[in-house]
Amino acid sequence: MDYIGCKAKSNAWIYSIIDSMLARKFGCEKYTFIDGCAGSGSTSRFFTRMGFDVIANDLLEFSSVMVEGFILSSSKLSATLRHIERINSLKGVKGFFYEHFSEHAGRMYFTDDNTQRIDACREYIASVRDSQIRKYLLYCGLEALSRVSNTTGVHAAFLKQFKTRAKDKFTLRGEPSIDTPQAPVTHHMDIVELVKKLKEPNSILYIDPPYNNRQFGPNYHLYETFVRYDDPELIGKTGLRKNWKAESGSAFCNKNGLAAALQQIAAHSQSELTYLSYSSDGIASIRDILNSLNADATIFTRRMTRYKSDTNPSRKYNLAPLFELLFEIQRPKP
């Protein structure tokens, strides 16, 4: 799915660093991987595949679907694929997405036809009784939604003309899944509250917070509304959820808030190892982060490609090198 900061291309690199540390310092004990800012679910899914017990958390509810929906029993696969076939053959209905996120509504996030298909899909999924299949279908629906959205990758604005992919038919596909008894546990709360709640000494805490002042709630409100399908009150030209600040406002998007959050995490976390992903373009410097954590850290770096919202030659982009930073902090022994 479209999601800025998704770690799909970095997960193997992150895993290699963590695996090396565990092998050198912590032996073969079983460790729980805590994904404190799970986002698109990419990292939680990767570490589930690698055999970790995973706890995933995010302020946005759709993140839980991206993690839980990845788990599907092989015994349910045939039934699930039949559900997908039925959804793709449904006649469209004029529901919430049609009334608010279509050309008809004056918000060109999707074609009129696709919004009606989205509404029909969402109503069908709500009727599925098996919770595992329902979550998997929501996960497939989110990926399908992303494929036909008429945006540059985030939902803070829509394009004035439908681009090619937005004209494609909204269609669910069978997305990658895993059949495992080690299903991730998901939470939907502020990360500081999470670390206060969890008592997991044999654990690795991984934090991948926002790097700048752009909140993820407004940038991915379509995903959130698709999952909740709660007929929220909308505001503004782009139809943001009116209560997005209360639902998903993140302290990490403010330099002072980030410092306070990291201080609280450092004070309350029981994890033996903490890893923090950040960007060389972030609102906080390396020194700011180390001061907030009140700890020494090993810092790993990886050259990254800058995100560009379009290819317009008149748009000016920062040409300075961009690096992903991974801070490794070991909790002092009592």
C-alpha atoms as a PDB file:
ATOM      1  CA  MET A   1       0.000   0.000   0.000  1.00  0.00           C
ATOM      2  CA  ASP A   2       0.985   3.639  -0.355  1.00  0.00           C
ATOM      3  CA  TYR A   3       2.537   4.583   2.984  1.00  0.00           C
ATOM      4  CA  ILE A   4       5.415   6.990   3.549  1.00  0.00           C
ATOM      5  CA  GLY A   5       8.009   5.517   5.874  1.00  0.00           C
ATOM      6  CA  CYS A   6       7.025   1.915   5.124  1.00  0.00           C
ATOM      7  CA  LYS A   7       9.977  -0.301   6.033  1.00  0.00           C
ATOM      8  CA  ALA A   8       9.402  -2.971   3.361  1.00  0.00           C
ATOM      9  CA  LYS A   9      12.807  -2.201   1.809  1.00  0.00           C
ATOM     10  CA  SER A  10      14.577  -1.871   5.173  1.00  0.00           C
ATOM     11  CA  ASN A  11      13.210  -4.816   7.135  1.00  0.00           C
ATOM     12  CA  ALA A  12      15.944  -7.276   6.128  1.00  0.00           C
ATOM     13  CA  TRP A  13      18.601  -4.699   7.085  1.00  0.00           C
ATOM     14  CA  ILE A  14      16.943  -4.019  10.448  1.00  0.00           C
ATOM     15  CA  TYR A  15      16.553  -7.733  11.109  1.00  0.00           C
ATOM     16  CA  SER A  16      20.213  -8.463  10.313  1.00  0.00           C
ATOM     17  CA  ILE A  17      21.327  -5.890  12.915  1.00  0.00           C
ATOM     18  CA  ILE A  18      18.966  -7.206  15.583  1.00  0.00           C
ATOM     19  CA  ASP A  19      19.801 -10.835  14.833  1.00  0.00           C
ATOM     20  CA  SER A  20      23.513 -10.098  15.091  1.00  0.00           C
ATOM     21  CA  MET A  21      23.039  -8.411  18.473  1.00  0.00           C
ATOM     22  CA  LEU A  22      20.986 -11.301  19.814  1.00  0.00           C
ATOM     23  CA  ALA A  23      23.573 -13.825  18.650  1.00  0.00           C
ATOM     24  CA  ARG A  24      26.483 -11.884  20.185  1.00  0.00           C
ATOM     25  CA  LYS A  25      25.000 -10.750  23.492  1.00  0.00           C
ATOM     26  CA  PHE A  26      21.800 -12.564  24.317  1.00  0.00           C
ATOM     27  CA  GLY A  27      22.156 -16.146  23.124  1.00  0.00           C
ATOM     28  CA  CYS A  28      19.208 -18.209  21.949  1.00  0.00           C
ATOM     29  CA  GLU A  29      16.501 -17.074  24.358  1.00  0.00           C
ATOM     30  CA  LYS A  30      13.052 -16.450  22.902  1.00  0.00           C
ATOM     31  CA  TYR A  31      12.438 -12.733  22.432  1.00  0.00           C
ATOM     32  CA  THR A  32       9.234 -10.844  21.793  1.00  0.00           C
ATOM     33  CA  PHE A  33       9.354  -8.150  19.117  1.00  0.00           C
ATOM     34  CA  ILE A  34       7.350  -5.052  20.082  1.00  0.00           C
ATOM     35  CA  ASP A  35       6.532  -2.852  17.091  1.00  0.00           C
ATOM     36  CA  GLY A  36       5.529   0.347  18.850  1.00  0.00           C
ATOM     37  CA  CYS A  37       4.551   2.392  15.772  1.00  0.00           C
ATOM     38  CA  ALA A  38       3.421  -0.357  13.401  1.00  0.00           C
ATOM     39  CA  GLY A  39       2.064   1.849  10.591  1.00  0.00           C
ATOM     40  CA  SER A  40       1.485  -0.212   7.452  1.00  0.00           C
ATOM     41  CA  GLY A  41       2.320  -3.395   9.380  1.00  0.00           C
ATOM     42  CA  SER A  42       5.286  -4.257   7.159  1.00  0.00           C
ATOM     43  CA  THR A  43       7.778  -4.742   9.985  1.00  0.00           C
ATOM     44  CA  SER A  44       5.390  -6.684  12.215  1.00  0.00           C
ATOM     45  CA  ARG A  45       4.614  -9.026   9.335  1.00  0.00           C
ATOM     46  CA  PHE A  46       8.321  -9.493   8.554  1.00  0.00           C
ATOM     47  CA  PHE A  47       9.240 -10.393  12.137  1.00  0.00           C
ATOM     48  CA  THR A  48       6.245 -12.730  12.373  1.00  0.00           C
ATOM     49  CA  ARG A  49       7.627 -14.559   9.339  1.00  0.00           C
ATOM     50  CA  MET A  50      11.025 -14.742  11.057  1.00  0.00           C
ATOM     51  CA  GLY A  51       9.476 -16.619  13.970  1.00  0.00           C
ATOM     52  CA  PHE A  52       9.215 -13.893  16.612  1.00  0.00           C
ATOM     53  CA  ASP A  53       6.265 -13.447  18.920  1.00  0.00           C
ATOM     54  CA  VAL A  54       5.061  -9.999  17.852  1.00  0.00           C
ATOM     55  CA  ILE A  55       3.196  -7.238  19.663  1.00  0.00           C
ATOM     56  CA  ALA A  56       2.117  -4.486  17.266  1.00  0.00           C
ATOM     57  CA  ASN A  57       0.760  -1.082  18.215  1.00  0.00           C
ATOM     58  CA  ASP A  58      -0.310   2.077  16.427  1.00  0.00           C
ATOM     59  CA  LEU A  59      -2.600   5.054  16.998  1.00  0.00           C
ATOM     60  CA  LEU A  60      -4.383   4.327  13.720  1.00  0.00           C
ATOM     61  CA  GLU A  61      -6.800   1.410  13.800  1.00  0.00           C
ATOM     62  CA  PHE A  62      -6.193   0.302  10.206  1.00  0.00           C
ATOM     63  CA  SER A  63      -2.646  -0.651  11.237  1.00  0.00           C
ATOM     64  CA  SER A  64      -4.024  -3.512  13.357  1.00  0.00           C
ATOM     65  CA  VAL A  65      -5.885  -4.816  10.306  1.00  0.00           C
ATOM     66  CA  MET A  66      -2.681  -4.800   8.251  1.00  0.00           C
ATOM     67  CA  VAL A  67      -1.008  -6.923  10.934  1.00  0.00           C
ATOM     68  CA  GLU A  68      -3.854  -9.242  11.979  1.00  0.00           C
ATOM     69  CA  GLY A  69      -5.184  -9.648   8.451  1.00  0.00           C
ATOM     70  CA  PHE A  70      -1.859 -11.167   7.442  1.00  0.00           C
ATOM     71  CA  ILE A  71      -2.707 -14.290   9.483  1.00  0.00           C
ATOM     72  CA  LEU A  72      -4.921 -16.761   7.662  1.00  0.00           C
ATOM     73  CA  SER A  73      -5.358 -20.453   8.391  1.00  0.00           C
ATOM     74  CA  SER A  74      -4.728 -22.596   5.319  1.00  0.00           C
ATOM     75  CA  SER A  75      -7.958 -24.443   6.126  1.00  0.00           C
ATOM     76  CA  LYS A  76      -9.857 -21.200   5.491  1.00  0.00           C
ATOM     77  CA  LEU A  77      -8.137 -20.236   2.245  1.00  0.00           C
ATOM     78  CA  SER A  78     -10.689 -21.719  -0.162  1.00  0.00           C
ATOM     79  CA  ALA A  79     -13.627 -20.092   1.648  1.00  0.00           C
ATOM     80  CA  THR A  80     -11.766 -16.785   1.732  1.00  0.00           C
ATOM     81  CA  LEU A  81     -11.073 -16.832  -2.001  1.00  0.00           C
ATOM     82  CA  ARG A  82     -14.784 -17.470  -2.619  1.00  0.00           C
ATOM     83  CA  HIS A  83     -15.574 -14.383  -0.566  1.00  0.00           C
ATOM     84  CA  ILE A  84     -13.159 -12.365  -2.722  1.00  0.00           C
ATOM     85  CA  GLU A  85     -14.866 -13.622  -5.894  1.00  0.00           C
ATOM     86  CA  ARG A  86     -18.263 -12.598  -4.504  1.00  0.00           C
ATOM     87  CA  ILE A  87     -17.027  -9.157  -3.495  1.00  0.00           C
ATOM     88  CA  ASN A  88     -15.553  -8.530  -6.938  1.00  0.00           C
ATOM     89  CA  SER A  89     -18.849  -9.482  -8.595  1.00  0.00           C
ATOM     90  CA  LEU A  90     -21.027  -7.260  -6.375  1.00  0.00           C
ATOM     91  CA  LYS A  91     -23.150  -4.503  -7.826  1.00  0.00           C
ATOM     92  CA  GLY A  92     -22.063  -1.133  -6.477  1.00  0.00           C
ATOM     93  CA  VAL A  93     -24.058   0.725  -3.824  1.00  0.00           C
ATOM     94  CA  LYS A  94     -24.219   4.425  -3.033  1.00  0.00           C
ATOM     95  CA  GLY A  95     -22.849   4.471   0.502  1.00  0.00           C
ATOM     96  CA  PHE A  96     -20.468   6.614   2.559  1.00  0.00           C
ATOM     97  CA  PHE A  97     -17.525   6.598   0.140  1.00  0.00           C
ATOM     98  CA  TYR A  98     -19.759   7.472  -2.809  1.00  0.00           C
ATOM     99  CA  GLU A  99     -21.378  10.332  -0.909  1.00  0.00           C
ATOM    100  CA  HIS A 100     -18.099  11.825   0.336  1.00  0.00           C
ATOM    101  CA  PHE A 101     -15.020  10.662  -1.618  1.00  0.00           C
ATOM    102  CA  SER A 102     -16.150  10.521  -5.253  1.00  0.00           C
ATOM    103  CA  GLU A 103     -16.326  12.821  -8.260  1.00  0.00           C
ATOM    104  CA  HIS A 104     -20.047  13.083  -7.486  1.00  0.00           C
ATOM    105  CA  ALA A 105     -19.156  14.408  -4.022  1.00  0.00           C
ATOM    106  CA  GLY A 106     -16.637  16.932  -5.352  1.00  0.00           C
ATOM    107  CA  ARG A 107     -13.730  15.041  -3.798  1.00  0.00           C
ATOM    108  CA  MET A 108     -11.981  13.172  -6.571  1.00  0.00           C
ATOM    109  CA  TYR A 109     -10.277  10.509  -4.469  1.00  0.00           C
ATOM    110  CA  PHE A 110     -11.990   7.782  -6.520  1.00  0.00           C
ATOM    111  CA  THR A 111     -14.207   7.469  -9.572  1.00  0.00           C
ATOM    112  CA  ASP A 112     -17.936   7.280  -8.893  1.00  0.00           C
ATOM    113  CA  ASP A 113     -17.943   3.646 -10.002  1.00  0.00           C
ATOM    114  CA  ASN A 114     -15.107   2.702  -7.668  1.00  0.00           C
ATOM    115  CA  THR A 115     -16.640   4.392  -4.624  1.00  0.00           C
ATOM    116  CA  GLN A 116     -19.804   2.363  -5.166  1.00  0.00           C
ATOM    117  CA  ARG A 117     -17.715  -0.805  -5.402  1.00  0.00           C
ATOM    118  CA  ILE A 118     -15.851   0.187  -2.238  1.00  0.00           C
ATOM    119  CA  ASP A 119     -19.131   0.699  -0.369  1.00  0.00           C
ATOM    120  CA  ALA A 120     -20.507  -2.630  -1.573  1.00  0.00           C
ATOM    121  CA  CYS A 121     -17.255  -4.348  -0.545  1.00  0.00           C
ATOM    122  CA  ARG A 122     -17.271  -2.769   2.895  1.00  0.00           C
ATOM    123  CA  GLU A 123     -20.889  -3.703   3.573  1.00  0.00           C
ATOM    124  CA  TYR A 124     -20.211  -7.282   2.501  1.00  0.00           C
ATOM    125  CA  ILE A 125     -17.141  -7.608   4.750  1.00  0.00           C
ATOM    126  CA  ALA A 126     -19.158  -6.391   7.732  1.00  0.00           C
ATOM    127  CA  SER A 127     -21.492  -9.366   7.241  1.00  0.00           C
ATOM    128  CA  VAL A 128     -18.706 -12.001   7.361  1.00  0.00           C
ATOM    129  CA  ARG A 129     -18.929 -13.824  10.683  1.00  0.00           C
ATOM    130  CA  ASP A 130     -15.493 -15.458  10.850  1.00  0.00           C
ATOM    131  CA  SER A 131     -13.260 -12.786  12.434  1.00  0.00           C
ATOM    132  CA  GLN A 132     -10.029 -14.075  10.874  1.00  0.00           C
ATOM    133  CA  ILE A 133     -11.505 -14.099   7.378  1.00  0.00           C
ATOM    134  CA  ARG A 134     -13.106 -10.690   7.974  1.00  0.00           C
ATOM    135  CA  LYS A 135      -9.760  -9.143   8.971  1.00  0.00           C
ATOM    136  CA  TYR A 136      -8.024 -10.726   5.988  1.00  0.00           C
ATOM    137  CA  LEU A 137     -10.686  -9.296   3.655  1.00  0.00           C
ATOM    138  CA  LEU A 138     -10.240  -5.850   5.218  1.00  0.00           C
ATOM    139  CA  TYR A 139      -6.486  -6.167   4.638  1.00  0.00           C
ATOM    140  CA  CYS A 140      -7.143  -7.068   0.986  1.00  0.00           C
ATOM    141  CA  GLY A 141      -9.607  -4.183   0.738  1.00  0.00           C
ATOM    142  CA  LEU A 142      -7.046  -1.680   2.018  1.00  0.00           C
ATOM    143  CA  GLU A 143      -4.545  -2.816  -0.585  1.00  0.00           C
ATOM    144  CA  ALA A 144      -7.209  -2.558  -3.303  1.00  0.00           C
ATOM    145  CA  LEU A 145      -8.168   0.928  -2.075  1.00  0.00           C
ATOM    146  CA  SER A 146      -4.552   2.050  -2.302  1.00  0.00           C
ATOM    147  CA  ARG A 147      -4.211   0.782  -5.877  1.00  0.00           C
ATOM    148  CA  VAL A 148      -7.016   3.008  -7.230  1.00  0.00           C
ATOM    149  CA  SER A 149      -6.722   6.128  -5.071  1.00  0.00           C
ATOM    150  CA  ASN A 150      -6.373   9.350  -7.040  1.00  0.00           C
ATOM    151  CA  THR A 151      -3.583  10.840  -4.910  1.00  0.00           C
ATOM    152  CA  THR A 152       0.184  11.308  -4.944  1.00  0.00           C
ATOM    153  CA  GLY A 153       0.497   8.690  -2.184  1.00  0.00           C
ATOM    154  CA  VAL A 154      -1.068  10.453   0.801  1.00  0.00           C
ATOM    155  CA  HIS A 155      -4.696  11.395   1.429  1.00  0.00           C
ATOM    156  CA  ALA A 156      -4.198  15.017   2.462  1.00  0.00           C
ATOM    157  CA  ALA A 157      -5.263  16.008  -1.070  1.00  0.00           C
ATOM    158  CA  PHE A 158      -6.707  14.506  -4.241  1.00  0.00           C
ATOM    159  CA  LEU A 159      -5.699  15.192  -7.832  1.00  0.00           C
ATOM    160  CA  LYS A 160      -7.803  17.425 -10.068  1.00  0.00           C
ATOM    161  CA  GLN A 161      -7.793  14.884 -12.893  1.00  0.00           C
ATOM    162  CA  PHE A 162      -8.017  11.108 -12.586  1.00  0.00           C
ATOM    163  CA  LYS A 163      -4.645   9.488 -13.177  1.00  0.00           C
ATOM    164  CA  THR A 164      -4.413   6.193 -15.031  1.00  0.00           C
ATOM    165  CA  ARG A 165      -4.403   3.832 -12.057  1.00  0.00           C
ATOM    166  CA  ALA A 166      -7.386   5.625 -10.481  1.00  0.00           C
ATOM    167  CA  LYS A 167      -9.465   4.616 -13.515  1.00  0.00           C
ATOM    168  CA  ASP A 168      -8.760   0.921 -12.891  1.00  0.00           C
ATOM    169  CA  LYS A 169     -11.541  -1.144 -11.375  1.00  0.00           C
ATOM    170  CA  PHE A 170     -11.502  -1.515  -7.588  1.00  0.00           C
ATOM    171  CA  THR A 171     -10.736  -5.227  -7.254  1.00  0.00           C
ATOM    172  CA  LEU A 172      -9.629  -7.373  -4.330  1.00  0.00           C
ATOM    173  CA  ARG A 173      -6.751  -9.813  -4.758  1.00  0.00           C
ATOM    174  CA  GLY A 174      -5.526 -12.610  -2.543  1.00  0.00           C
ATOM    175  CA  GLU A 175      -2.767 -10.838  -0.602  1.00  0.00           C
ATOM    176  CA  PRO A 176       0.265 -12.562   0.993  1.00  0.00           C
ATOM    177  CA  SER A 177      -0.573 -14.317   4.269  1.00  0.00           C
ATOM    178  CA  ILE A 178       0.899 -16.769   6.745  1.00  0.00           C
ATOM    179  CA  ASP A 179      -0.604 -19.681   8.665  1.00  0.00           C
ATOM    180  CA  THR A 180       1.000 -19.624  12.112  1.00  0.00           C
ATOM    181  CA  PRO A 181      -0.039 -20.234  15.717  1.00  0.00           C
ATOM    182  CA  GLN A 182       2.131 -17.230  16.637  1.00  0.00           C
ATOM    183  CA  ALA A 183      -0.462 -14.651  15.651  1.00  0.00           C
ATOM    184  CA  PRO A 184       0.633 -11.104  16.553  1.00  0.00           C
ATOM    185  CA  VAL A 185      -1.085  -9.344  19.438  1.00  0.00           C
ATOM    186  CA  THR A 186      -2.221  -5.842  18.483  1.00  0.00           C
ATOM    187  CA  HIS A 187      -2.850  -2.708  20.514  1.00  0.00           C
ATOM    188  CA  HIS A 188      -4.343   0.639  19.581  1.00  0.00           C
ATOM    189  CA  MET A 189      -2.906   3.224  21.969  1.00  0.00           C
ATOM    190  CA  ASP A 190      -0.217   5.818  22.615  1.00  0.00           C
ATOM    191  CA  ILE A 191       3.189   4.124  22.703  1.00  0.00           C
ATOM    192  CA  VAL A 192       4.025   5.609  26.118  1.00  0.00           C
ATOM    193  CA  GLU A 193       0.916   3.984  27.558  1.00  0.00           C
ATOM    194  CA  LEU A 194       1.895   0.746  25.817  1.00  0.00           C
ATOM    195  CA  VAL A 195       5.345   0.531  27.411  1.00  0.00           C
ATOM    196  CA  LYS A 196       3.846   1.344  30.822  1.00  0.00           C
ATOM    197  CA  LYS A 197       1.363  -1.487  30.359  1.00  0.00           C
ATOM    198  CA  LEU A 198       3.718  -4.157  28.991  1.00  0.00           C
ATOM    199  CA  LYS A 199       5.946  -6.193  31.296  1.00  0.00           C
ATOM    200  CA  GLU A 200       8.120  -7.933  28.707  1.00  0.00           C
ATOM    201  CA  PRO A 201      11.744  -8.050  29.900  1.00  0.00           C
ATOM    202  CA  ASN A 202      12.721 -10.609  27.227  1.00  0.00           C
ATOM    203  CA  SER A 203      11.750  -8.266  24.439  1.00  0.00           C
ATOM    204  CA  ILE A 204      12.974  -5.954  21.734  1.00  0.00           C
ATOM    205  CA  LEU A 205      11.204  -2.607  21.453  1.00  0.00           C
ATOM    206  CA  TYR A 206      11.255  -1.167  17.941  1.00  0.00           C
ATOM    207  CA  ILE A 207      10.083   2.414  17.427  1.00  0.00           C
ATOM    208  CA  ASP A 208       9.523   3.935  13.988  1.00  0.00           C
ATOM    209  CA  PRO A 209       7.903   7.320  14.710  1.00  0.00           C
ATOM    210  CA  PRO A 210       7.002  10.105  12.272  1.00  0.00           C
ATOM    211  CA  TYR A 211      10.106  12.094  11.335  1.00  0.00           C
ATOM    212  CA  ASN A 212       8.495  15.461  10.656  1.00  0.00           C
ATOM    213  CA  ASN A 213       5.470  17.556  11.621  1.00  0.00           C
ATOM    214  CA  ARG A 214       3.078  15.902   9.149  1.00  0.00           C
ATOM    215  CA  GLN A 215       0.521  13.874  11.097  1.00  0.00           C
ATOM    216  CA  PHE A 216      -0.384  10.431   9.758  1.00  0.00           C
ATOM    217  CA  GLY A 217      -4.094  10.755  10.637  1.00  0.00           C
ATOM    218  CA  PRO A 218      -4.861  13.295   7.885  1.00  0.00           C
ATOM    219  CA  ASN A 219      -2.432  11.627   5.489  1.00  0.00           C
ATOM    220  CA  TYR A 220      -4.144   8.223   5.691  1.00  0.00           C
ATOM    221  CA  HIS A 221      -7.706   9.037   6.695  1.00  0.00           C
ATOM    222  CA  LEU A 222      -9.202   7.013   3.821  1.00  0.00           C
ATOM    223  CA  TYR A 223      -7.646   3.807   5.170  1.00  0.00           C
ATOM    224  CA  GLU A 224      -8.925   4.600   8.651  1.00  0.00           C
ATOM    225  CA  THR A 225     -12.459   5.332   7.491  1.00  0.00           C
ATOM    226  CA  PHE A 226     -12.533   2.211   5.306  1.00  0.00           C
ATOM    227  CA  VAL A 227     -11.662   0.038   8.319  1.00  0.00           C
ATOM    228  CA  ARG A 228     -13.892   1.792  10.846  1.00  0.00           C
ATOM    229  CA  TYR A 229     -16.697   2.505   8.364  1.00  0.00           C
ATOM    230  CA  ASP A 230     -18.276   4.541  11.132  1.00  0.00           C
ATOM    231  CA  ASP A 231     -19.853   7.402   9.130  1.00  0.00           C
ATOM    232  CA  PRO A 232     -17.598  10.008  10.755  1.00  0.00           C
ATOM    233  CA  GLU A 233     -18.263  13.716  10.592  1.00  0.00           C
ATOM    234  CA  LEU A 234     -15.920  15.156   7.972  1.00  0.00           C
ATOM    235  CA  ILE A 235     -14.295  18.563   7.681  1.00  0.00           C
ATOM    236  CA  GLY A 236     -12.648  20.615   4.974  1.00  0.00           C
ATOM    237  CA  LYS A 237     -12.262  20.317   1.246  1.00  0.00           C
ATOM    238  CA  THR A 238     -10.487  16.962   1.568  1.00  0.00           C
ATOM    239  CA  GLY A 239     -12.977  15.372   3.971  1.00  0.00           C
ATOM    240  CA  LEU A 240     -10.758  14.710   6.976  1.00  0.00           C
ATOM    241  CA  ARG A 241     -12.219  12.924   9.976  1.00  0.00           C
ATOM    242  CA  LYS A 242     -13.300  15.768  12.272  1.00  0.00           C
ATOM    243  CA  ASN A 243     -11.921  14.068  15.385  1.00  0.00           C
ATOM    244  CA  TRP A 244      -8.627  12.929  13.871  1.00  0.00           C
ATOM    245  CA  LYS A 245      -6.536  14.792  16.463  1.00  0.00           C
ATOM    246  CA  ALA A 246      -8.200  12.967  19.339  1.00  0.00           C
ATOM    247  CA  GLU A 247      -8.083   9.668  17.452  1.00  0.00           C
ATOM    248  CA  SER A 248      -4.526   9.709  16.145  1.00  0.00           C
ATOM    249  CA  GLY A 249      -2.665  12.923  16.946  1.00  0.00           C
ATOM    250  CA  SER A 250       0.985  12.010  17.577  1.00  0.00           C
ATOM    251  CA  ALA A 251       3.383  13.769  19.942  1.00  0.00           C
ATOM    252  CA  PHE A 252       6.275  12.625  17.731  1.00  0.00           C
ATOM    253  CA  CYS A 253       5.342  15.239  15.110  1.00  0.00           C
ATOM    254  CA  ASN A 254       6.566  18.018  17.395  1.00  0.00           C
ATOM    255  CA  LYS A 255      10.182  18.309  18.526  1.00  0.00           C
ATOM    256  CA  ASN A 256       9.289  18.913  22.176  1.00  0.00           C
ATOM    257  CA  GLY A 257       6.635  16.211  22.106  1.00  0.00           C
ATOM    258  CA  LEU A 258       9.102  13.744  20.615  1.00  0.00           C
ATOM    259  CA  ALA A 259      11.653  14.487  23.340  1.00  0.00           C
ATOM    260  CA  ALA A 260       9.049  14.033  26.088  1.00  0.00           C
ATOM    261  CA  ALA A 261       7.758  10.783  24.581  1.00  0.00           C
ATOM    262  CA  LEU A 262      11.240   9.292  24.255  1.00  0.00           C
ATOM    263  CA  GLN A 263      12.044  10.256  27.839  1.00  0.00           C
ATOM    264  CA  GLN A 264       8.908   8.474  29.045  1.00  0.00           C
ATOM    265  CA  ILE A 265       9.640   5.404  26.932  1.00  0.00           C
ATOM    266  CA  ALA A 266      13.196   5.218  28.277  1.00  0.00           C
ATOM    267  CA  ALA A 267      11.914   5.540  31.846  1.00  0.00           C
ATOM    268  CA  HIS A 268       9.188   2.878  31.629  1.00  0.00           C
ATOM    269  CA  SER A 269      10.228   0.313  29.018  1.00  0.00           C
ATOM    270  CA  GLN A 270      11.168  -3.137  30.322  1.00  0.00           C
ATOM    271  CA  SER A 271      12.743  -4.213  27.020  1.00  0.00           C
ATOM    272  CA  GLU A 272      16.400  -5.245  27.104  1.00  0.00           C
ATOM    273  CA  LEU A 273      16.985  -3.812  23.647  1.00  0.00           C
ATOM    274  CA  THR A 274      15.456  -0.744  22.040  1.00  0.00           C
ATOM    275  CA  TYR A 275      15.793   0.184  18.368  1.00  0.00           C
ATOM    276  CA  LEU A 276      14.693   3.541  17.013  1.00  0.00           C
ATOM    277  CA  SER A 277      14.398   4.222  13.282  1.00  0.00           C
ATOM    278  CA  TYR A 278      14.790   7.825  12.289  1.00  0.00           C
ATOM    279  CA  SER A 279      15.799   9.986   9.336  1.00  0.00           C
ATOM    280  CA  SER A 280      18.683  12.357   8.783  1.00  0.00           C
ATOM    281  CA  ASP A 281      15.956  14.787   7.623  1.00  0.00           C
ATOM    282  CA  GLY A 282      13.985  14.463  10.875  1.00  0.00           C
ATOM    283  CA  ILE A 283      12.921  17.344  13.088  1.00  0.00           C
ATOM    284  CA  ALA A 284      15.274  16.106  15.834  1.00  0.00           C
ATOM    285  CA  SER A 285      19.043  15.755  15.573  1.00  0.00           C
ATOM    286  CA  ILE A 286      21.039  12.719  16.650  1.00  0.00           C
ATOM    287  CA  ARG A 287      22.120  14.613  19.760  1.00  0.00           C
ATOM    288  CA  ASP A 288      18.503  15.548  20.555  1.00  0.00           C
ATOM    289  CA  ILE A 289      17.499  11.887  20.402  1.00  0.00           C
ATOM    290  CA  LEU A 290      20.409  10.662  22.532  1.00  0.00           C
ATOM    291  CA  ASN A 291      19.680  13.332  25.133  1.00  0.00           C
ATOM    292  CA  SER A 292      16.006  12.341  25.223  1.00  0.00           C
ATOM    293  CA  LEU A 293      16.846   8.645  25.628  1.00  0.00           C
ATOM    294  CA  ASN A 294      19.523   9.508  28.207  1.00  0.00           C
ATOM    295  CA  ALA A 295      21.616   6.667  26.830  1.00  0.00           C
ATOM    296  CA  ASP A 296      24.554   5.852  24.656  1.00  0.00           C
ATOM    297  CA  ALA A 297      23.683   4.162  21.405  1.00  0.00           C
ATOM    298  CA  THR A 298      25.227   2.429  18.455  1.00  0.00           C
ATOM    299  CA  ILE A 299      23.959   4.141  15.310  1.00  0.00           C
ATOM    300  CA  PHE A 300      23.666   2.305  12.010  1.00  0.00           C
ATOM    301  CA  THR A 301      23.071   4.219   8.764  1.00  0.00           C
ATOM    302  CA  ARG A 302      21.663   3.357   5.379  1.00  0.00           C
ATOM    303  CA  ARG A 303      21.468   5.575   2.264  1.00  0.00           C
ATOM    304  CA  MET A 304      17.885   6.153   1.172  1.00  0.00           C
ATOM    305  CA  THR A 305      16.089   7.485  -1.913  1.00  0.00           C
ATOM    306  CA  ARG A 306      13.991  10.581  -1.345  1.00  0.00           C
ATOM    307  CA  TYR A 307      10.224  10.358  -1.796  1.00  0.00           C
ATOM    308  CA  LYS A 308       8.991  12.554  -4.639  1.00  0.00           C
ATOM    309  CA  SER A 309       5.295  13.229  -4.908  1.00  0.00           C
ATOM    310  CA  ASP A 310       5.466  13.890  -8.658  1.00  0.00           C
ATOM    311  CA  THR A 311       7.894  14.233 -11.569  1.00  0.00           C
ATOM    312  CA  ASN A 312       7.074  17.829 -12.483  1.00  0.00           C
ATOM    313  CA  PRO A 313      10.436  19.362 -13.528  1.00  0.00           C
ATOM    314  CA  SER A 314       9.433  22.725 -12.023  1.00  0.00           C
ATOM    315  CA  ARG A 315       9.188  21.266  -8.515  1.00  0.00           C
ATOM    316  CA  LYS A 316      12.300  21.816  -6.400  1.00  0.00           C
ATOM    317  CA  TYR A 317      13.430  18.899  -4.242  1.00  0.00           C
ATOM    318  CA  ASN A 318      16.107  18.676  -1.575  1.00  0.00           C
ATOM    319  CA  LEU A 319      19.132  17.116  -3.272  1.00  0.00           C
ATOM    320  CA  ALA A 320      21.149  16.502  -0.091  1.00  0.00           C
ATOM    321  CA  PRO A 321      21.947  12.865   0.761  1.00  0.00           C
ATOM    322  CA  LEU A 322      19.269  11.128   2.831  1.00  0.00           C
ATOM    323  CA  PHE A 323      20.060   8.464   5.416  1.00  0.00           C
ATOM    324  CA  GLU A 324      17.975   6.132   7.513  1.00  0.00           C
ATOM    325  CA  LEU A 325      19.309   5.993  11.068  1.00  0.00           C
ATOM    326  CA  LEU A 326      18.864   3.014  13.369  1.00  0.00           C
ATOM    327  CA  PHE A 327      19.685   3.649  17.027  1.00  0.00           C
ATOM    328  CA  GLU A 328      20.527   0.557  19.095  1.00  0.00           C
ATOM    329  CA  ILE A 329      20.197   0.994  22.869  1.00  0.00           C
ATOM    330  CA  GLN A 330      20.841  -1.696  25.442  1.00  0.00           C
ATOM    331  CA  ARG A 331      18.987  -1.370  28.742  1.00  0.00           C
ATOM    332  CA  PRO A 332      21.430  -1.181  31.669  1.00  0.00           C
ATOM    333  CA  LYS A 333      21.346  -4.158  34.018  1.00  0.00           C
ATOM    334  CA  PRO A 334      19.691  -3.356  37.393  1.00  0.00           C
END
